[in-house]
């Protein structure tokens, strides 16, 4: 059985909820290594969404 992934925010031991781009997540949290994607638990994902809302909206507007 595969091992459950854990939240990659420093000092967090919760299970993975969502995987997000590391460049945006690193503006909110500090990570131990340089990655392209990071796993976040439910609590950290909510904080990530709240604090990167404007940047994510800007990125979506660039797609059109």
Protein backbone atom coordinates (compact mmCIF):
# COMPACT_ATOMS: atom_id res chain seq x y z
CA UNK A 1 0.00 0.00 0.00
CA UNK A 2 1.48 3.42 -0.95
CA UNK A 3 2.62 5.70 1.82
CA UNK A 4 0.36 8.71 2.47
CA UNK A 5 2.07 11.96 1.54
CA UNK A 6 2.49 14.58 4.25
CA UNK A 7 2.22 18.35 4.21
CA UNK A 8 5.57 19.83 3.20
CA UNK A 9 5.34 23.03 5.24
CA UNK A 10 8.16 23.06 7.78
CA UNK A 11 7.17 21.44 11.12
CA UNK A 12 3.77 20.22 9.87
CA UNK A 13 2.96 16.50 10.07
CA UNK A 14 -0.60 16.52 8.68
CA UNK A 15 -1.67 14.43 5.66
CA UNK A 16 -1.66 15.87 2.15
CA UNK A 17 -4.87 17.58 1.01
CA UNK A 18 -3.84 19.35 -2.22
CA UNK A 19 -0.76 19.76 -4.38
CA UNK A 20 0.03 23.31 -5.54
CA UNK A 21 2.77 25.11 -7.52
CA UNK A 22 5.81 25.69 -5.31
CA UNK A 23 6.59 29.16 -6.68
CA UNK A 24 3.31 30.56 -5.31
CA UNK A 25 3.35 28.51 -2.11
CA UNK A 26 6.89 29.63 -1.29
CA UNK A 27 5.62 33.23 -1.07
CA UNK A 28 3.45 32.15 1.88
CA UNK A 29 5.40 29.30 3.49
CA UNK A 30 9.02 28.22 3.86
CA UNK A 31 10.08 24.80 2.60
CA UNK A 32 13.14 22.68 3.27
CA UNK A 33 13.99 22.11 -0.40
CA UNK A 34 13.46 23.67 -3.82
CA UNK A 35 10.55 21.91 -5.54
CA UNK A 36 8.21 22.52 -8.47
CA UNK A 37 5.10 21.33 -6.62
CA UNK A 38 4.37 21.03 -2.91
CA UNK A 39 1.85 19.11 -0.85
CA UNK A 40 -0.27 21.06 1.63
CA UNK A 41 -2.61 19.90 4.38
CA UNK A 42 -6.15 21.28 4.54
CA UNK A 43 -5.27 24.08 7.00
CA UNK A 44 -2.22 25.27 5.05
CA UNK A 45 -4.13 25.01 1.76
CA UNK A 46 -6.79 27.40 3.08
CA UNK A 47 -4.09 29.87 4.10
CA UNK A 48 -2.36 29.48 0.71
CA UNK A 49 -5.61 30.19 -1.16
CA UNK A 50 -6.36 33.26 0.94
CA UNK A 51 -2.91 34.81 0.65
CA UNK A 52 -2.33 34.12 -3.06
CA UNK A 53 -5.81 34.95 -4.34
CA UNK A 54 -4.81 38.10 -6.29
CA UNK A 55 -1.79 36.42 -7.90
CA UNK A 56 -3.81 33.39 -8.97
CA UNK A 57 -6.51 35.64 -10.47
CA UNK A 58 -3.83 37.52 -12.41
CA UNK A 59 -2.38 34.27 -13.74
CA UNK A 60 -5.81 33.08 -14.89
CA UNK A 61 -6.42 36.41 -16.67
CA UNK A 62 -3.19 35.89 -18.63
CA UNK A 63 -4.49 32.62 -20.09
CA UNK A 64 -7.14 34.34 -22.24
